[in-house]
N, C-alpha and C. Protein backbone atom coordinates (compact mmCIF):
# COMPACT_ATOMS: atom_id res chain seq x y z
N UNK A 1 -7.23 12.46 18.34
CA UNK A 1 -6.54 10.97 17.64
C UNK A 1 -4.57 11.09 17.64
N UNK A 2 -3.97 12.10 18.65
CA UNK A 2 -2.58 12.19 18.62
C UNK A 2 -2.36 11.33 19.69
N UNK A 3 -3.20 11.11 20.24
CA UNK A 3 -2.77 10.36 22.15
C UNK A 3 -2.87 8.60 21.89
N UNK A 4 -1.90 7.94 21.60
CA UNK A 4 -1.63 6.22 20.64
C UNK A 4 -3.12 5.53 21.39
N UNK A 5 -3.59 5.65 23.01
CA UNK A 5 -4.33 4.54 23.21
C UNK A 5 -6.09 5.62 22.42
N UNK A 6 -5.82 6.29 21.81
CA UNK A 6 -7.77 6.72 21.00
C UNK A 6 -7.30 6.15 19.65
N UNK A 7 -6.23 6.64 19.59
CA UNK A 7 -5.40 6.36 17.53
C UNK A 7 -5.31 4.67 17.67
N UNK A 8 -5.33 3.70 18.74
CA UNK A 8 -5.63 2.36 18.35
C UNK A 8 -6.80 2.50 18.41
N UNK A 9 -8.09 2.82 19.66
CA UNK A 9 -9.28 1.89 19.93
C UNK A 9 -10.02 3.15 17.95
N UNK A 10 -9.32 4.19 17.89
CA UNK A 10 -10.05 4.18 16.26
C UNK A 10 -9.70 3.12 15.28
N UNK A 11 -8.67 3.07 15.27
CA UNK A 11 -8.26 1.57 14.55
C UNK A 11 -9.21 0.37 14.45
N UNK A 12 -9.14 0.20 15.85
CA UNK A 12 -9.57 -0.87 15.96
C UNK A 12 -11.09 -0.93 15.51
N UNK A 13 -11.83 0.15 16.10
CA UNK A 13 -13.29 0.38 15.45
C UNK A 13 -13.96 0.43 13.88
N UNK A 14 -12.52 0.92 13.37
CA UNK A 14 -13.07 1.60 12.07
C UNK A 14 -12.32 0.64 11.28
N UNK A 15 -11.68 -1.04 11.48
CA UNK A 15 -10.81 -2.42 10.92
C UNK A 15 -9.38 -1.28 10.23
N UNK A 16 -9.28 -0.18 9.96
CA UNK A 16 -8.53 0.79 9.75
C UNK A 16 -6.80 -0.22 9.97
N UNK A 17 -6.31 -0.59 9.12
CA UNK A 17 -4.55 -0.93 9.85
C UNK A 17 -3.82 0.02 9.47
N UNK A 18 -3.01 0.28 11.43
CA UNK A 18 -2.40 1.67 11.45
C UNK A 18 -1.19 1.37 11.00
N UNK A 19 -1.12 2.81 10.58
CA UNK A 19 -0.07 3.67 9.77
C UNK A 19 1.28 3.78 11.28
N UNK A 20 0.62 3.82 12.25
CA UNK A 20 1.84 4.12 13.79
C UNK A 20 2.70 2.52 13.61
N UNK A 21 3.47 2.83 13.71
CA UNK A 21 4.52 2.07 13.69
C UNK A 21 4.85 1.70 15.56
N UNK A 22 4.29 2.78 16.00
CA UNK A 22 4.40 2.07 17.70
C UNK A 22 2.90 0.82 17.89
N UNK A 23 2.27 1.20 16.87
CA UNK A 23 0.86 0.13 17.16
C UNK A 23 0.84 -0.85 16.27
N UNK A 24 1.81 -0.51 15.28
CA UNK A 24 2.00 -1.83 14.28
C UNK A 24 2.62 -2.96 15.11
N UNK A 25 3.36 -2.76 16.62
CA UNK A 25 4.40 -3.26 17.16
C UNK A 25 3.71 -3.83 17.78
N UNK A 26 2.81 -2.92 19.06
CA UNK A 26 1.80 -3.17 19.80
C UNK A 26 0.70 -4.47 19.81
N UNK A 27 0.16 -3.81 18.52
CA UNK A 27 -0.92 -4.32 18.27
C UNK A 27 -2.45 -3.66 18.25
N UNK A 28 -3.28 -4.09 18.00
CA UNK A 28 -4.17 -3.32 18.05
C UNK A 28 -5.88 -3.95 18.18
N UNK A 29 -6.79 -3.78 18.75
CA UNK A 29 -7.16 -5.28 18.93
C UNK A 29 -8.42 -4.87 18.77
N UNK A 30 -8.70 -5.33 17.16
CA UNK A 30 -10.16 -4.74 16.16
C UNK A 30 -10.96 -5.61 16.64
N UNK A 31 -12.29 -3.97 16.51
CA UNK A 31 -13.53 -5.31 16.88
C UNK A 31 -14.87 -5.23 15.74
N UNK A 32 -14.67 -6.46 15.45
CA UNK A 32 -15.96 -7.40 14.44
C UNK A 32 -15.99 -8.57 14.65
N UNK A 33 -17.00 -8.87 14.56
CA UNK A 33 -18.28 -10.37 14.54
C UNK A 33 -17.33 -11.13 14.16
N UNK A 34 -16.44 -10.89 13.16
CA UNK A 34 -15.70 -12.36 12.42
C UNK A 34 -14.57 -12.30 12.99
N UNK A 35 -14.24 -13.53 13.24
CA UNK A 35 -12.51 -13.93 13.41
C UNK A 35 -11.80 -13.70 12.86
N UNK A 36 -12.47 -14.29 11.61
CA UNK A 36 -11.33 -14.35 10.43
C UNK A 36 -10.47 -13.15 9.90
N UNK A 37 -12.12 -12.04 9.99
CA UNK A 37 -11.39 -10.46 9.38
C UNK A 37 -10.92 -10.48 10.68
N UNK A 38 -10.48 -9.78 11.99
CA UNK A 38 -9.77 -9.88 12.75
C UNK A 38 -8.24 -10.68 12.92
N UNK A 39 -8.41 -11.67 12.19
CA UNK A 39 -7.27 -12.51 12.50
C UNK A 39 -6.02 -11.93 11.25
N UNK A 40 -7.15 -11.34 9.90
CA UNK A 40 -6.63 -10.99 9.28
C UNK A 40 -5.47 -9.77 8.91
N UNK A 41 -6.40 -9.11 9.49
CA UNK A 41 -6.17 -7.47 10.40
C UNK A 41 -4.96 -7.54 10.83
N UNK A 42 -4.95 -8.32 11.67
CA UNK A 42 -3.86 -8.58 12.60
C UNK A 42 -2.50 -8.23 12.13
N UNK A 43 -2.76 -9.53 11.29
CA UNK A 43 -1.56 -10.44 10.19
C UNK A 43 -0.96 -9.17 9.12
N UNK A 44 -1.91 -8.45 8.94
CA UNK A 44 -1.36 -7.17 8.08
C UNK A 44 -0.53 -6.15 8.64
N UNK A 45 -1.50 -5.30 10.77
CA UNK A 45 -1.09 -4.50 11.26
C UNK A 45 0.60 -4.88 11.84
N UNK A 46 0.50 -6.29 11.32
CA UNK A 46 1.70 -6.68 11.68
C UNK A 46 2.88 -6.30 11.47
N UNK A 47 2.76 -6.57 9.97
CA UNK A 47 3.61 -5.95 8.92
C UNK A 47 4.03 -4.81 8.52
N UNK A 48 3.41 -4.04 9.05
CA UNK A 48 3.33 -2.25 8.73
C UNK A 48 5.13 -2.35 9.57
N UNK A 49 5.34 -2.05 10.38
CA UNK A 49 6.74 -2.63 10.95
C UNK A 49 7.60 -2.54 9.90
N UNK A 50 7.54 -3.40 9.42
CA UNK A 50 8.50 -4.94 8.15
C UNK A 50 8.33 -3.36 6.80
N UNK A 51 7.74 -2.54 6.59
CA UNK A 51 7.38 -2.25 5.25
C UNK A 51 9.28 -1.48 5.17
N UNK A 52 9.32 -1.13 3.84
CA UNK A 52 10.45 -0.57 3.48
C UNK A 52 10.70 0.47 3.58
N UNK A 53 11.61 1.59 3.41
CA UNK A 53 11.31 3.13 3.45
C UNK A 53 10.90 3.27 1.66
N UNK A 54 10.94 2.65 0.89
CA UNK A 54 10.75 3.62 -0.21
C UNK A 54 9.25 3.57 -0.26
N UNK A 55 8.13 2.51 0.29
CA UNK A 55 6.80 2.62 0.84
C UNK A 55 6.27 3.52 1.27
N UNK A 56 7.31 4.31 2.57
CA UNK A 56 6.97 5.46 2.27
C UNK A 56 6.86 6.67 1.84
N UNK A 57 8.38 6.40 0.84
CA UNK A 57 9.01 7.78 0.35
C UNK A 57 7.28 7.99 -1.30
N UNK A 58 7.60 6.44 -1.71
CA UNK A 58 6.32 6.48 -3.29
C UNK A 58 4.57 7.54 -2.37
N UNK A 59 4.74 7.33 -1.00
CA UNK A 59 3.65 7.79 -1.01
C UNK A 59 3.34 9.51 -1.45
N UNK A 60 4.79 9.93 -1.06
CA UNK A 60 4.33 11.39 -0.81
C UNK A 60 5.94 11.84 -2.14
N UNK A 61 5.60 11.10 -2.84
CA UNK A 61 6.85 11.12 -3.99
C UNK A 61 5.79 12.52 -5.39
N UNK A 62 6.14 13.05 -5.84
CA UNK A 62 5.23 13.75 -7.00
C UNK A 62 5.43 13.06 -8.44
N UNK A 63 5.66 11.71 -8.37
CA UNK A 63 5.47 11.12 -9.58
C UNK A 63 4.75 9.74 -9.54
N UNK A 64 4.12 9.34 -7.85
CA UNK A 64 3.22 8.53 -7.46
C UNK A 64 2.66 7.76 -8.63
N UNK A 65 1.67 9.04 -9.05
CA UNK A 65 0.56 8.65 -9.88
C UNK A 65 1.55 7.87 -11.16
N UNK A 66 2.03 8.15 -11.49
CA UNK A 66 3.05 7.64 -12.84
C UNK A 66 3.16 6.19 -12.45
N UNK A 67 3.64 6.06 -10.86
CA UNK A 67 3.74 4.29 -11.10
C UNK A 67 2.87 3.80 -10.97
N UNK A 68 1.67 4.32 -10.15
CA UNK A 68 0.71 3.63 -9.83
C UNK A 68 -0.31 3.01 -10.78
N UNK A 69 -0.81 4.17 -11.47
CA UNK A 69 -1.19 4.24 -13.02
C UNK A 69 -0.48 3.39 -13.98
N UNK A 70 0.60 2.79 -14.54
CA UNK A 70 1.19 2.33 -14.99
C UNK A 70 1.51 0.30 -14.49
N UNK A 71 0.70 0.60 -12.98
CA UNK A 71 1.02 -0.67 -13.17
C UNK A 71 -0.74 -1.30 -12.78
N UNK A 72 -1.34 -0.45 -12.44
CA UNK A 72 -2.66 -0.99 -12.68
C UNK A 72 -2.76 -1.45 -13.98
N UNK A 73 -2.37 -0.21 -14.98
CA UNK A 73 -3.43 -0.55 -16.20
C UNK A 73 -1.89 -2.16 -16.49
N UNK A 74 -0.95 -1.92 -16.90
CA UNK A 74 -0.03 -3.34 -17.13
C UNK A 74 -0.06 -3.96 -16.39
N UNK A 75 -0.34 -4.12 -15.34
CA UNK A 75 -1.06 -5.18 -14.41
C UNK A 75 -2.24 -6.48 -14.98
N UNK A 76 -3.73 -5.60 -15.10
CA UNK A 76 -4.36 -5.97 -15.70
C UNK A 76 -4.09 -6.49 -17.27
N UNK A 77 -3.07 -5.84 -18.45
CA UNK A 77 -2.87 -6.45 -18.94
C UNK A 77 -2.57 -7.64 -19.39
N UNK A 78 -1.55 -8.30 -17.58
CA UNK A 78 -0.79 -9.33 -17.40
C UNK A 78 -2.72 -10.70 -17.14
N UNK A 79 -3.35 -9.88 -16.35
CA UNK A 79 -4.16 -10.68 -15.68
C UNK A 79 -5.32 -10.90 -16.89
N UNK A 80 -5.32 -10.50 -18.15
CA UNK A 80 -6.56 -10.60 -19.16
C UNK A 80 -5.97 -11.55 -20.21
N UNK A 81 -4.28 -11.23 -20.00
CA UNK A 81 -3.54 -12.64 -20.94
C UNK A 81 -2.52 -11.78 -21.98
N UNK A 82 -2.79 -10.38 -21.77
CA UNK A 82 -2.38 -9.64 -23.15
C UNK A 82 -0.90 -8.95 -23.57
N UNK A 83 -0.12 -10.31 -22.62
CA UNK A 83 1.39 -9.53 -22.47
C UNK A 83 1.62 -10.32 -20.93
N UNK A 84 2.62 -10.20 -21.25
CA UNK A 84 3.40 -11.51 -20.05
C UNK A 84 4.07 -10.57 -18.85
N UNK A 85 4.27 -11.40 -17.44
CA UNK A 85 5.15 -9.81 -16.90
C UNK A 85 5.91 -9.59 -16.48
N UNK A 86 7.11 -10.06 -17.52
CA UNK A 86 8.36 -9.58 -17.56
C UNK A 86 7.65 -8.26 -18.81
N UNK A 87 6.86 -8.33 -19.44
CA UNK A 87 6.94 -7.87 -20.31
C UNK A 87 6.65 -6.26 -20.01
N UNK A 88 5.23 -6.50 -19.22
CA UNK A 88 4.54 -5.55 -18.16
C UNK A 88 5.40 -4.66 -17.73
N UNK A 89 6.50 -5.17 -16.99
CA UNK A 89 7.50 -4.90 -16.05
C UNK A 89 8.52 -3.86 -17.08
N UNK A 90 8.79 -4.49 -18.34
CA UNK A 90 9.55 -3.44 -19.32
C UNK A 90 8.69 -2.48 -19.51
N UNK A 91 7.32 -2.44 -19.78
CA UNK A 91 6.81 -1.80 -20.09
C UNK A 91 6.34 -0.84 -18.91
N UNK A 92 6.35 -1.26 -17.53
CA UNK A 92 5.63 0.04 -17.14
C UNK A 92 7.27 0.88 -16.62
N UNK A 93 8.30 0.19 -16.50
CA UNK A 93 9.34 1.11 -16.73
C UNK A 93 9.62 1.87 -17.70
N UNK A 94 8.92 2.03 -18.81
CA UNK A 94 9.33 3.39 -19.83
C UNK A 94 7.84 3.36 -19.58
N UNK A 95 6.53 3.63 -18.91
CA UNK A 95 5.57 4.40 -19.17
C UNK A 95 6.19 5.35 -17.79
N UNK A 96 6.71 5.37 -17.04
CA UNK A 96 7.32 5.06 -15.67
C UNK A 96 8.76 6.63 -16.47
N UNK A 97 8.59 6.27 -16.92
CA UNK A 97 10.84 6.98 -17.70
C UNK A 97 9.46 7.74 -18.83
N UNK A 98 8.89 7.82 -19.40
CA UNK A 98 8.44 8.95 -20.62
C UNK A 98 7.46 9.16 -19.74
N UNK A 99 6.50 9.29 -19.14
CA UNK A 99 5.92 10.33 -17.69
C UNK A 99 6.55 11.59 -17.21
N UNK A 100 7.73 11.11 -15.90
CA UNK A 100 8.34 11.13 -15.70
C UNK A 100 9.69 12.50 -16.72
N UNK A 101 9.57 12.25 -17.96
CA UNK A 101 10.40 13.23 -19.45
C UNK A 101 9.21 13.78 -19.09
N UNK A 102 7.78 13.68 -19.90
CA UNK A 102 6.86 14.91 -19.70
C UNK A 102 6.88 15.86 -18.85
N UNK A 103 6.50 15.48 -17.62
CA UNK A 103 6.01 16.22 -16.72
C UNK A 103 7.78 17.38 -15.83
N UNK A 104 9.19 16.77 -16.78
CA UNK A 104 9.86 18.01 -16.54
C UNK A 104 9.57 18.82 -18.17
N UNK A 105 8.83 19.47 -18.39
CA UNK A 105 9.15 19.96 -19.56
C UNK A 105 7.76 21.07 -19.52
């Protein structure tokens, strides 16, 4: 999986969106019977090169669980009508701030 062409074949057969910037730029031939699925995967894969650096940082951040869990919980509350999106954003920030503070103790 260290050679680009092998990695491209792996992504194509497993229908994974590549994290490899070279493959995101050159494209992956997704092997599927569904033209819609192949088209959708191609669109998503093309956007990998456009990801902001913070997206990569978040994957390795020791605080990412705090952020991801709060986003999941607060957005669920928005979807079911328990709070507005503006309220959820304020609560997410408070959740993350509190979790980081507690982790430092």
